[in-house]
Amino acid sequence: GNTVKETYSLNERLAGWVDLTRPILSVMGALGVAAAAALAYGGIPPWQQCLVGLVAALLAYAGIHSFNDYVDSKRDVECWPGRPVPSRRLTSTQVLIFSISVFILSQVLIWVFFNPVCLIISIISIILGCLYSAYLRDRVGYLVLPPIQGILWICGWAAFSPETLFTSWMPWVLYIFSASWQAGHIMIYSPLHPIQKFKNTALTQVPALFKKTSPRTAALLGFIFLVITLGAGIFLGLFADLGLVYLIPVIIMGIITLSVSYPFINDSGNFSRGIRAFTMATYFMLLVRVFILISVSLPWFS
């Protein structure tokens, strides 16, 4: 779906709907919610709630990504022309209707199958996520996203243990871990957009936090946050007693991610290198979420 064409086949237009939801990021986000829910439950919840919760999380993430594409429909013509709207596979109106529809469906599922606390947190996260895309990102900066994104982990915890939300440290350890990763991930992403020149100084298109940075500074911040993420991930494994089945792959993947991200600091204009760093950071968090679920589920299978 990255090639812009004059006309598209039915299959290409259908693929546009898939691209709109950012399948890898949506699945990864849903797994994060599931990991928090499993830790709150103390194992694998009943399969009916697992299925409904996974669908609700996927729909919420799909809505956030599609709303982002709606807001960015004009800017993406320059940045990411192969996305569904700028490539004209989908219209802005279609994308907005889809986004609203999946938001409503996800909240109905949470309302019916979970609890009011989980529903309220989910609604807050969606509102803030949309506000980020529509206003906060360009006026405040990318680093507004991490504290918003972490709320969805809190939502996962609240699905099964709302009464411990403010009596247990675990949901907030998850929150800090998630927010630090998102900060690293988004700052690595920042130099991949068109770079602007201001008084002969190269600056990123979007501020980090109220202030635009050089591509190198953005890449450096991304690396620093990823270092913090690895430390937080190790602490999470120890704090939650997830065992070596979690710690070993997380440490190995974290070191690989840092080794791929570090060269991007001094070569922040290298798009291919930035994409590799961004992708590796994505897969690092995907692996973390999978191995949280594996570790939590082991007693369930014994």
C-alpha atoms as a PDB file:
ATOM      1  CA  GLY A   1       0.000   0.000   0.000  1.00  0.00           C
ATOM      2  CA  ASN A   2       2.967   2.390  -0.359  1.00  0.00           C
ATOM      3  CA  THR A   3       2.678   3.016  -4.098  1.00  0.00           C
ATOM      4  CA  VAL A   4       0.540   5.974  -5.174  1.00  0.00           C
ATOM      5  CA  LYS A   5      -1.442   5.225  -8.345  1.00  0.00           C
ATOM      6  CA  GLU A   6      -4.071   6.915 -10.468  1.00  0.00           C
ATOM      7  CA  THR A   7      -6.576   4.090  -9.992  1.00  0.00           C
ATOM      8  CA  TYR A   8      -6.838   1.183  -7.570  1.00  0.00           C
ATOM      9  CA  SER A   9      -8.330  -2.275  -7.723  1.00  0.00           C
ATOM     10  CA  LEU A  10     -10.939  -3.445  -5.212  1.00  0.00           C
ATOM     11  CA  ASN A  11      -8.281  -5.462  -3.375  1.00  0.00           C
ATOM     12  CA  GLU A  12      -6.042  -2.397  -3.100  1.00  0.00           C
ATOM     13  CA  ARG A  13      -8.880  -0.317  -1.702  1.00  0.00           C
ATOM     14  CA  LEU A  14      -9.724  -3.055   0.808  1.00  0.00           C
ATOM     15  CA  ALA A  15      -6.071  -3.161   1.764  1.00  0.00           C
ATOM     16  CA  GLY A  16      -6.389   0.553   2.485  1.00  0.00           C
ATOM     17  CA  TRP A  17      -8.816  -0.250   5.308  1.00  0.00           C
ATOM     18  CA  VAL A  18      -6.284  -2.657   6.776  1.00  0.00           C
ATOM     19  CA  ASP A  19      -3.467  -0.111   6.448  1.00  0.00           C
ATOM     20  CA  LEU A  20      -5.664   2.474   8.150  1.00  0.00           C
ATOM     21  CA  THR A  21      -5.763   0.478  11.385  1.00  0.00           C
ATOM     22  CA  ARG A  22      -1.938   0.031  11.585  1.00  0.00           C
ATOM     23  CA  PRO A  23      -2.335  -3.739  12.175  1.00  0.00           C
ATOM     24  CA  ILE A  24       1.042  -4.325  13.840  1.00  0.00           C
ATOM     25  CA  LEU A  25       0.747  -1.321  16.157  1.00  0.00           C
ATOM     26  CA  SER A  26      -2.902  -2.082  16.956  1.00  0.00           C
ATOM     27  CA  VAL A  27      -2.163  -5.719  17.778  1.00  0.00           C
ATOM     28  CA  MET A  28       0.823  -4.651  19.849  1.00  0.00           C
ATOM     29  CA  GLY A  29      -1.310  -2.105  21.705  1.00  0.00           C
ATOM     30  CA  ALA A  30      -4.018  -4.687  22.374  1.00  0.00           C
ATOM     31  CA  LEU A  31      -1.397  -7.111  23.691  1.00  0.00           C
ATOM     32  CA  GLY A  32      -0.258  -4.402  26.101  1.00  0.00           C
ATOM     33  CA  VAL A  33      -3.777  -4.033  27.433  1.00  0.00           C
ATOM     34  CA  ALA A  34      -3.998  -7.837  27.645  1.00  0.00           C
ATOM     35  CA  ALA A  35      -0.676  -8.058  29.523  1.00  0.00           C
ATOM     36  CA  ALA A  36      -1.852  -5.533  32.112  1.00  0.00           C
ATOM     37  CA  ALA A  37      -5.182  -7.357  32.421  1.00  0.00           C
ATOM     38  CA  ALA A  38      -3.461 -10.717  32.918  1.00  0.00           C
ATOM     39  CA  LEU A  39      -1.193  -9.278  35.630  1.00  0.00           C
ATOM     40  CA  ALA A  40      -4.234  -7.770  37.369  1.00  0.00           C
ATOM     41  CA  TYR A  41      -6.133 -11.061  37.162  1.00  0.00           C
ATOM     42  CA  GLY A  42      -3.118 -13.086  38.291  1.00  0.00           C
ATOM     43  CA  GLY A  43      -3.288 -15.392  35.305  1.00  0.00           C
ATOM     44  CA  ILE A  44      -5.283 -15.895  32.142  1.00  0.00           C
ATOM     45  CA  PRO A  45      -8.882 -14.601  32.531  1.00  0.00           C
ATOM     46  CA  PRO A  46     -11.882 -16.576  31.217  1.00  0.00           C
ATOM     47  CA  TRP A  47     -11.598 -16.948  27.457  1.00  0.00           C
ATOM     48  CA  GLN A  48     -14.853 -15.061  26.789  1.00  0.00           C
ATOM     49  CA  GLN A  49     -13.525 -11.955  28.523  1.00  0.00           C
ATOM     50  CA  CYS A  50     -10.126 -12.425  26.882  1.00  0.00           C
ATOM     51  CA  LEU A  51     -11.749 -12.417  23.467  1.00  0.00           C
ATOM     52  CA  VAL A  52     -14.043  -9.466  24.130  1.00  0.00           C
ATOM     53  CA  GLY A  53     -11.276  -7.456  25.764  1.00  0.00           C
ATOM     54  CA  LEU A  54      -8.905  -8.116  22.874  1.00  0.00           C
ATOM     55  CA  VAL A  55     -11.521  -7.050  20.319  1.00  0.00           C
ATOM     56  CA  ALA A  56     -12.381  -3.910  22.311  1.00  0.00           C
ATOM     57  CA  ALA A  57      -8.703  -2.946  22.560  1.00  0.00           C
ATOM     58  CA  LEU A  58      -8.110  -3.604  18.853  1.00  0.00           C
ATOM     59  CA  LEU A  59     -11.099  -1.439  17.961  1.00  0.00           C
ATOM     60  CA  ALA A  60      -9.944   1.379  20.234  1.00  0.00           C
ATOM     61  CA  TYR A  61      -6.446   1.374  18.750  1.00  0.00           C
ATOM     62  CA  ALA A  62      -7.833   1.125  15.222  1.00  0.00           C
ATOM     63  CA  GLY A  63      -9.985   4.157  15.946  1.00  0.00           C
ATOM     64  CA  ILE A  64      -7.062   6.166  17.297  1.00  0.00           C
ATOM     65  CA  HIS A  65      -4.883   5.344  14.274  1.00  0.00           C
ATOM     66  CA  SER A  66      -7.654   6.068  11.785  1.00  0.00           C
ATOM     67  CA  PHE A  67      -8.513   9.367  13.480  1.00  0.00           C
ATOM     68  CA  ASN A  68      -4.832  10.286  13.264  1.00  0.00           C
ATOM     69  CA  ASP A  69      -4.952   9.608   9.519  1.00  0.00           C
ATOM     70  CA  TYR A  70      -8.058  11.772   9.231  1.00  0.00           C
ATOM     71  CA  VAL A  71      -6.340  14.682  10.975  1.00  0.00           C
ATOM     72  CA  ASP A  72      -3.117  14.187   8.982  1.00  0.00           C
ATOM     73  CA  SER A  73      -4.765  13.694   5.588  1.00  0.00           C
ATOM     74  CA  LYS A  74      -3.174  16.836   4.126  1.00  0.00           C
ATOM     75  CA  ARG A  75       0.186  16.623   5.864  1.00  0.00           C
ATOM     76  CA  ASP A  76       0.639  12.995   4.843  1.00  0.00           C
ATOM     77  CA  VAL A  77       0.644  14.017   1.184  1.00  0.00           C
ATOM     78  CA  GLU A  78       4.228  15.099   1.824  1.00  0.00           C
ATOM     79  CA  CYS A  79       5.235  12.820   4.704  1.00  0.00           C
ATOM     80  CA  TRP A  80       3.552   9.489   3.947  1.00  0.00           C
ATOM     81  CA  PRO A  81       1.845   9.711   0.532  1.00  0.00           C
ATOM     82  CA  GLY A  82       1.160   5.975   0.446  1.00  0.00           C
ATOM     83  CA  ARG A  83      -1.231   6.088   3.388  1.00  0.00           C
ATOM     84  CA  PRO A  84      -4.894   5.387   2.564  1.00  0.00           C
ATOM     85  CA  VAL A  85      -6.158   8.995   2.448  1.00  0.00           C
ATOM     86  CA  PRO A  86      -3.340  10.826   0.600  1.00  0.00           C
ATOM     87  CA  SER A  87      -3.086   7.924  -1.858  1.00  0.00           C
ATOM     88  CA  ARG A  88      -6.841   8.362  -2.459  1.00  0.00           C
ATOM     89  CA  ARG A  89      -7.708   4.768  -1.672  1.00  0.00           C
ATOM     90  CA  LEU A  90     -10.071   6.131   1.011  1.00  0.00           C
ATOM     91  CA  THR A  91     -11.716   9.497   1.581  1.00  0.00           C
ATOM     92  CA  SER A  92     -11.384  11.610   4.711  1.00  0.00           C
ATOM     93  CA  THR A  93     -15.123  11.257   5.364  1.00  0.00           C
ATOM     94  CA  GLN A  94     -14.941   7.463   5.216  1.00  0.00           C
ATOM     95  CA  VAL A  95     -12.034   7.456   7.639  1.00  0.00           C
ATOM     96  CA  LEU A  96     -13.791   9.762  10.133  1.00  0.00           C
ATOM     97  CA  ILE A  97     -16.984   7.669  10.079  1.00  0.00           C
ATOM     98  CA  PHE A  98     -14.963   4.494  10.556  1.00  0.00           C
ATOM     99  CA  SER A  99     -13.057   6.004  13.477  1.00  0.00           C
ATOM    100  CA  ILE A 100     -16.200   7.130  15.304  1.00  0.00           C
ATOM    101  CA  SER A 101     -17.913   3.778  14.660  1.00  0.00           C
ATOM    102  CA  VAL A 102     -15.122   1.628  16.082  1.00  0.00           C
ATOM    103  CA  PHE A 103     -14.772   3.948  19.072  1.00  0.00           C
ATOM    104  CA  ILE A 104     -18.453   3.499  19.907  1.00  0.00           C
ATOM    105  CA  LEU A 105     -18.328  -0.270  19.425  1.00  0.00           C
ATOM    106  CA  SER A 106     -15.253  -0.650  21.629  1.00  0.00           C
ATOM    107  CA  GLN A 107     -16.849   1.324  24.455  1.00  0.00           C
ATOM    108  CA  VAL A 108     -20.097  -0.631  24.231  1.00  0.00           C
ATOM    109  CA  LEU A 109     -18.139  -3.879  24.644  1.00  0.00           C
ATOM    110  CA  ILE A 110     -16.313  -2.510  27.699  1.00  0.00           C
ATOM    111  CA  TRP A 111     -19.579  -1.214  29.183  1.00  0.00           C
ATOM    112  CA  VAL A 112     -21.309  -4.593  28.789  1.00  0.00           C
ATOM    113  CA  PHE A 113     -18.504  -6.985  29.735  1.00  0.00           C
ATOM    114  CA  PHE A 114     -16.290  -5.113  32.213  1.00  0.00           C
ATOM    115  CA  ASN A 115     -16.799  -2.349  34.793  1.00  0.00           C
ATOM    116  CA  PRO A 116     -17.478   1.412  35.023  1.00  0.00           C
ATOM    117  CA  VAL A 117     -13.911   2.266  36.096  1.00  0.00           C
ATOM    118  CA  CYS A 118     -12.481   0.514  33.049  1.00  0.00           C
ATOM    119  CA  LEU A 119     -15.008   2.285  30.809  1.00  0.00           C
ATOM    120  CA  ILE A 120     -14.215   5.741  32.214  1.00  0.00           C
ATOM    121  CA  ILE A 121     -10.463   5.218  31.811  1.00  0.00           C
ATOM    122  CA  SER A 122     -10.960   3.973  28.263  1.00  0.00           C
ATOM    123  CA  ILE A 123     -13.081   6.987  27.314  1.00  0.00           C
ATOM    124  CA  ILE A 124     -10.508   9.356  28.824  1.00  0.00           C
ATOM    125  CA  SER A 125      -7.682   7.692  26.891  1.00  0.00           C
ATOM    126  CA  ILE A 126      -9.586   7.917  23.606  1.00  0.00           C
ATOM    127  CA  ILE A 127     -10.496  11.574  24.111  1.00  0.00           C
ATOM    128  CA  LEU A 128      -6.899  12.458  24.980  1.00  0.00           C
ATOM    129  CA  GLY A 129      -5.592  10.382  22.073  1.00  0.00           C
ATOM    130  CA  CYS A 130      -7.801  12.243  19.610  1.00  0.00           C
ATOM    131  CA  LEU A 131      -6.922  15.581  21.228  1.00  0.00           C
ATOM    132  CA  TYR A 132      -3.255  14.697  20.794  1.00  0.00           C
ATOM    133  CA  SER A 133      -3.660  14.109  17.048  1.00  0.00           C
ATOM    134  CA  ALA A 134      -5.873  17.131  16.481  1.00  0.00           C
ATOM    135  CA  TYR A 135      -4.143  19.709  18.664  1.00  0.00           C
ATOM    136  CA  LEU A 136      -1.538  18.721  21.255  1.00  0.00           C
ATOM    137  CA  ARG A 137       1.018  17.087  18.973  1.00  0.00           C
ATOM    138  CA  ASP A 138       1.715  20.091  16.769  1.00  0.00           C
ATOM    139  CA  ARG A 139       1.288  22.747  19.462  1.00  0.00           C
ATOM    140  CA  VAL A 140       2.923  21.029  22.420  1.00  0.00           C
ATOM    141  CA  GLY A 141       4.939  18.169  21.004  1.00  0.00           C
ATOM    142  CA  TYR A 142       5.442  14.460  20.574  1.00  0.00           C
ATOM    143  CA  LEU A 143       6.233  13.884  24.242  1.00  0.00           C
ATOM    144  CA  VAL A 144       2.597  14.540  25.138  1.00  0.00           C
ATOM    145  CA  LEU A 145       1.795  11.123  23.680  1.00  0.00           C
ATOM    146  CA  PRO A 146       3.653   8.858  26.173  1.00  0.00           C
ATOM    147  CA  PRO A 147       1.556   9.721  29.259  1.00  0.00           C
ATOM    148  CA  ILE A 148      -1.603   9.340  27.153  1.00  0.00           C
ATOM    149  CA  GLN A 149      -0.589   5.999  25.669  1.00  0.00           C
ATOM    150  CA  GLY A 150       0.225   4.589  29.092  1.00  0.00           C
ATOM    151  CA  ILE A 151      -3.382   5.099  30.194  1.00  0.00           C
ATOM    152  CA  LEU A 152      -4.452   2.130  28.075  1.00  0.00           C
ATOM    153  CA  TRP A 153      -2.295  -0.167  30.239  1.00  0.00           C
ATOM    154  CA  ILE A 154      -4.099   1.273  33.264  1.00  0.00           C
ATOM    155  CA  CYS A 155      -7.351   0.482  31.464  1.00  0.00           C
ATOM    156  CA  GLY A 156      -6.255  -3.143  31.066  1.00  0.00           C
ATOM    157  CA  TRP A 157      -5.465  -3.375  34.771  1.00  0.00           C
ATOM    158  CA  ALA A 158      -8.813  -1.800  35.714  1.00  0.00           C
ATOM    159  CA  ALA A 159     -10.684  -4.385  33.643  1.00  0.00           C
ATOM    160  CA  PHE A 160     -10.062  -7.003  36.353  1.00  0.00           C
ATOM    161  CA  SER A 161      -8.792  -5.158  39.418  1.00  0.00           C
ATOM    162  CA  PRO A 162     -10.267  -1.650  39.585  1.00  0.00           C
ATOM    163  CA  GLU A 163     -10.273  -1.716  43.388  1.00  0.00           C
ATOM    164  CA  THR A 164      -6.440  -1.985  43.487  1.00  0.00           C
ATOM    165  CA  LEU A 165      -5.767   0.799  41.026  1.00  0.00           C
ATOM    166  CA  PHE A 166      -4.551   3.123  43.792  1.00  0.00           C
ATOM    167  CA  THR A 167      -3.494   0.531  46.353  1.00  0.00           C
ATOM    168  CA  SER A 168      -1.016  -1.430  44.198  1.00  0.00           C
ATOM    169  CA  TRP A 169       2.211  -0.196  42.623  1.00  0.00           C
ATOM    170  CA  MET A 170       1.962  -2.627  39.739  1.00  0.00           C
ATOM    171  CA  PRO A 171      -0.323  -0.641  37.392  1.00  0.00           C
ATOM    172  CA  TRP A 172       1.921   2.394  37.807  1.00  0.00           C
ATOM    173  CA  VAL A 173       5.080   0.394  37.150  1.00  0.00           C
ATOM    174  CA  LEU A 174       3.386  -0.716  33.933  1.00  0.00           C
ATOM    175  CA  TYR A 175       2.431   2.888  33.207  1.00  0.00           C
ATOM    176  CA  ILE A 176       5.994   4.193  33.605  1.00  0.00           C
ATOM    177  CA  PHE A 177       7.394   1.343  31.511  1.00  0.00           C
ATOM    178  CA  SER A 178       4.881   1.977  28.740  1.00  0.00           C
ATOM    179  CA  ALA A 179       5.337   5.759  28.784  1.00  0.00           C
ATOM    180  CA  SER A 180       9.139   5.556  28.656  1.00  0.00           C
ATOM    181  CA  TRP A 181       8.986   3.199  25.670  1.00  0.00           C
ATOM    182  CA  GLN A 182       6.496   5.413  23.836  1.00  0.00           C
ATOM    183  CA  ALA A 183       8.761   8.418  24.423  1.00  0.00           C
ATOM    184  CA  GLY A 184      11.720   6.592  22.904  1.00  0.00           C
ATOM    185  CA  HIS A 185       9.656   5.213  20.041  1.00  0.00           C
ATOM    186  CA  ILE A 186       8.133   8.578  19.082  1.00  0.00           C
ATOM    187  CA  MET A 187      11.419  10.491  19.299  1.00  0.00           C
ATOM    188  CA  ILE A 188      13.141   7.964  17.030  1.00  0.00           C
ATOM    189  CA  TYR A 189      10.204   8.525  14.676  1.00  0.00           C
ATOM    190  CA  SER A 190      10.564  12.325  14.743  1.00  0.00           C
ATOM    191  CA  PRO A 191      13.557  12.705  12.347  1.00  0.00           C
ATOM    192  CA  LEU A 192      11.833  10.467   9.792  1.00  0.00           C
ATOM    193  CA  HIS A 193       9.525  13.351   8.870  1.00  0.00           C
ATOM    194  CA  PRO A 194      10.646  16.109   6.501  1.00  0.00           C
ATOM    195  CA  ILE A 195      13.255  18.275   8.212  1.00  0.00           C
ATOM    196  CA  GLN A 196      12.748  22.041   8.212  1.00  0.00           C
ATOM    197  CA  LYS A 197      15.405  24.733   7.983  1.00  0.00           C
ATOM    198  CA  PHE A 198      15.302  27.732  10.298  1.00  0.00           C
ATOM    199  CA  LYS A 199      18.197  30.198  10.095  1.00  0.00           C
ATOM    200  CA  ASN A 200      20.369  27.454   8.580  1.00  0.00           C
ATOM    201  CA  THR A 201      19.508  25.124  11.458  1.00  0.00           C
ATOM    202  CA  ALA A 202      17.834  21.789  10.744  1.00  0.00           C
ATOM    203  CA  LEU A 203      14.787  21.228  12.947  1.00  0.00           C
ATOM    204  CA  THR A 204      12.240  18.442  13.242  1.00  0.00           C
ATOM    205  CA  GLN A 205       8.759  19.062  11.887  1.00  0.00           C
ATOM    206  CA  VAL A 206       7.060  18.493  15.266  1.00  0.00           C
ATOM    207  CA  PRO A 207       8.316  19.788  18.645  1.00  0.00           C
ATOM    208  CA  ALA A 208       9.589  17.367  21.262  1.00  0.00           C
ATOM    209  CA  LEU A 209       7.985  19.365  24.079  1.00  0.00           C
ATOM    210  CA  PHE A 210       7.096  22.957  23.159  1.00  0.00           C
ATOM    211  CA  LYS A 211      10.384  23.242  21.273  1.00  0.00           C
ATOM    212  CA  LYS A 212      11.570  21.727  18.016  1.00  0.00           C
ATOM    213  CA  THR A 213      14.901  19.954  18.157  1.00  0.00           C
ATOM    214  CA  SER A 214      17.601  19.043  15.712  1.00  0.00           C
ATOM    215  CA  PRO A 215      17.247  15.552  14.202  1.00  0.00           C
ATOM    216  CA  ARG A 216      20.312  14.457  16.177  1.00  0.00           C
ATOM    217  CA  THR A 217      18.840  15.671  19.469  1.00  0.00           C
ATOM    218  CA  ALA A 218      15.576  13.869  18.702  1.00  0.00           C
ATOM    219  CA  ALA A 219      17.457  10.638  17.972  1.00  0.00           C
ATOM    220  CA  LEU A 220      19.529  11.085  21.144  1.00  0.00           C
ATOM    221  CA  LEU A 221      16.398  11.607  23.237  1.00  0.00           C
ATOM    222  CA  GLY A 222      14.891   8.518  21.659  1.00  0.00           C
ATOM    223  CA  PHE A 223      17.958   6.466  22.579  1.00  0.00           C
ATOM    224  CA  ILE A 224      17.968   7.778  26.177  1.00  0.00           C
ATOM    225  CA  PHE A 225      14.300   6.914  26.638  1.00  0.00           C
ATOM    226  CA  LEU A 226      14.927   3.433  25.226  1.00  0.00           C
ATOM    227  CA  VAL A 227      17.724   2.935  27.761  1.00  0.00           C
ATOM    228  CA  ILE A 228      15.247   3.933  30.490  1.00  0.00           C
ATOM    229  CA  THR A 229      12.712   1.545  28.956  1.00  0.00           C
ATOM    230  CA  LEU A 230      15.097  -1.395  29.148  1.00  0.00           C
ATOM    231  CA  GLY A 231      15.815  -0.598  32.793  1.00  0.00           C
ATOM    232  CA  ALA A 232      12.092  -0.257  33.511  1.00  0.00           C
ATOM    233  CA  GLY A 233      11.410  -3.526  31.693  1.00  0.00           C
ATOM    234  CA  ILE A 234      13.951  -5.360  33.828  1.00  0.00           C
ATOM    235  CA  PHE A 235      12.520  -3.790  36.990  1.00  0.00           C
ATOM    236  CA  LEU A 236       9.024  -4.838  35.887  1.00  0.00           C
ATOM    237  CA  GLY A 237      10.179  -8.434  35.466  1.00  0.00           C
ATOM    238  CA  LEU A 238      11.676  -8.481  38.946  1.00  0.00           C
ATOM    239  CA  PHE A 239       8.821  -6.571  40.599  1.00  0.00           C
ATOM    240  CA  ALA A 240       6.143  -8.819  39.063  1.00  0.00           C
ATOM    241  CA  ASP A 241       8.262 -11.963  39.515  1.00  0.00           C
ATOM    242  CA  LEU A 242       7.926 -12.846  35.834  1.00  0.00           C
ATOM    243  CA  GLY A 243      11.008 -15.052  35.911  1.00  0.00           C
ATOM    244  CA  LEU A 244      13.783 -15.798  33.461  1.00  0.00           C
ATOM    245  CA  VAL A 245      11.314 -16.756  30.741  1.00  0.00           C
ATOM    246  CA  TYR A 246      10.562 -13.022  30.559  1.00  0.00           C
ATOM    247  CA  LEU A 247      13.875 -11.457  31.612  1.00  0.00           C
ATOM    248  CA  ILE A 248      16.246 -13.255  29.234  1.00  0.00           C
ATOM    249  CA  PRO A 249      14.492 -12.445  25.924  1.00  0.00           C
ATOM    250  CA  VAL A 250      13.678  -8.900  27.079  1.00  0.00           C
ATOM    251  CA  ILE A 251      17.298  -8.150  28.006  1.00  0.00           C
ATOM    252  CA  ILE A 252      18.623  -9.639  24.770  1.00  0.00           C
ATOM    253  CA  MET A 253      16.084  -7.810  22.598  1.00  0.00           C
ATOM    254  CA  GLY A 254      16.632  -4.582  24.541  1.00  0.00           C
ATOM    255  CA  ILE A 255      20.390  -4.701  23.944  1.00  0.00           C
ATOM    256  CA  ILE A 256      19.833  -5.393  20.238  1.00  0.00           C
ATOM    257  CA  THR A 257      17.398  -2.457  20.041  1.00  0.00           C
ATOM    258  CA  LEU A 258      19.892  -0.105  21.663  1.00  0.00           C
ATOM    259  CA  SER A 259      22.697  -1.293  19.378  1.00  0.00           C
ATOM    260  CA  VAL A 260      20.544  -0.562  16.325  1.00  0.00           C
ATOM    261  CA  SER A 261      19.317   2.796  17.663  1.00  0.00           C
ATOM    262  CA  TYR A 262      22.662   4.198  18.803  1.00  0.00           C
ATOM    263  CA  PRO A 263      24.206   4.693  15.317  1.00  0.00           C
ATOM    264  CA  PHE A 264      21.141   6.735  14.311  1.00  0.00           C
ATOM    265  CA  ILE A 265      22.210   9.481  16.739  1.00  0.00           C
ATOM    266  CA  ASN A 266      25.181  10.514  14.616  1.00  0.00           C
ATOM    267  CA  ASP A 267      23.487   9.659  11.324  1.00  0.00           C
ATOM    268  CA  SER A 268      20.016  11.062  11.956  1.00  0.00           C
ATOM    269  CA  GLY A 269      19.577  12.040   8.325  1.00  0.00           C
ATOM    270  CA  ASN A 270      19.787   8.404   7.240  1.00  0.00           C
ATOM    271  CA  PHE A 271      16.161   7.445   6.665  1.00  0.00           C
ATOM    272  CA  SER A 272      16.872   3.722   6.292  1.00  0.00           C
ATOM    273  CA  ARG A 273      18.807   3.634   9.535  1.00  0.00           C
ATOM    274  CA  GLY A 274      15.999   5.511  11.292  1.00  0.00           C
ATOM    275  CA  ILE A 275      13.397   3.090   9.991  1.00  0.00           C
ATOM    276  CA  ARG A 276      15.468   0.173  11.288  1.00  0.00           C
ATOM    277  CA  ALA A 277      15.757   1.780  14.726  1.00  0.00           C
ATOM    278  CA  PHE A 278      12.042   2.603  14.805  1.00  0.00           C
ATOM    279  CA  THR A 279      11.104  -0.918  13.702  1.00  0.00           C
ATOM    280  CA  MET A 280      13.423  -2.560  16.215  1.00  0.00           C
ATOM    281  CA  ALA A 281      11.949  -0.443  19.026  1.00  0.00           C
ATOM    282  CA  THR A 282       8.491  -1.582  17.897  1.00  0.00           C
ATOM    283  CA  TYR A 283       9.456  -5.253  17.947  1.00  0.00           C
ATOM    284  CA  PHE A 284      11.132  -4.847  21.334  1.00  0.00           C
ATOM    285  CA  MET A 285       7.861  -3.756  22.915  1.00  0.00           C
ATOM    286  CA  LEU A 286       5.936  -6.420  21.023  1.00  0.00           C
ATOM    287  CA  LEU A 287       8.262  -9.058  22.456  1.00  0.00           C
ATOM    288  CA  VAL A 288       7.898  -7.632  25.979  1.00  0.00           C
ATOM    289  CA  ARG A 289       4.128  -7.855  25.852  1.00  0.00           C
ATOM    290  CA  VAL A 290       4.158 -11.386  24.465  1.00  0.00           C
ATOM    291  CA  PHE A 291       6.552 -12.626  27.144  1.00  0.00           C
ATOM    292  CA  ILE A 292       4.565 -10.976  29.925  1.00  0.00           C
ATOM    293  CA  LEU A 293       1.596 -13.033  28.748  1.00  0.00           C
ATOM    294  CA  ILE A 294       3.702 -16.179  28.423  1.00  0.00           C
ATOM    295  CA  SER A 295       5.146 -15.777  31.907  1.00  0.00           C
ATOM    296  CA  VAL A 296       1.767 -15.069  33.485  1.00  0.00           C
ATOM    297  CA  SER A 297       0.152 -18.010  31.660  1.00  0.00           C
ATOM    298  CA  LEU A 298       2.729 -20.667  32.655  1.00  0.00           C
ATOM    299  CA  PRO A 299       1.063 -21.540  36.004  1.00  0.00           C
ATOM    300  CA  TRP A 300      -2.263 -21.737  34.150  1.00  0.00           C
ATOM    301  CA  PHE A 301      -0.870 -24.496  31.886  1.00  0.00           C
ATOM    302  CA  SER A 302       0.793 -26.434  34.701  1.00  0.00           C
END
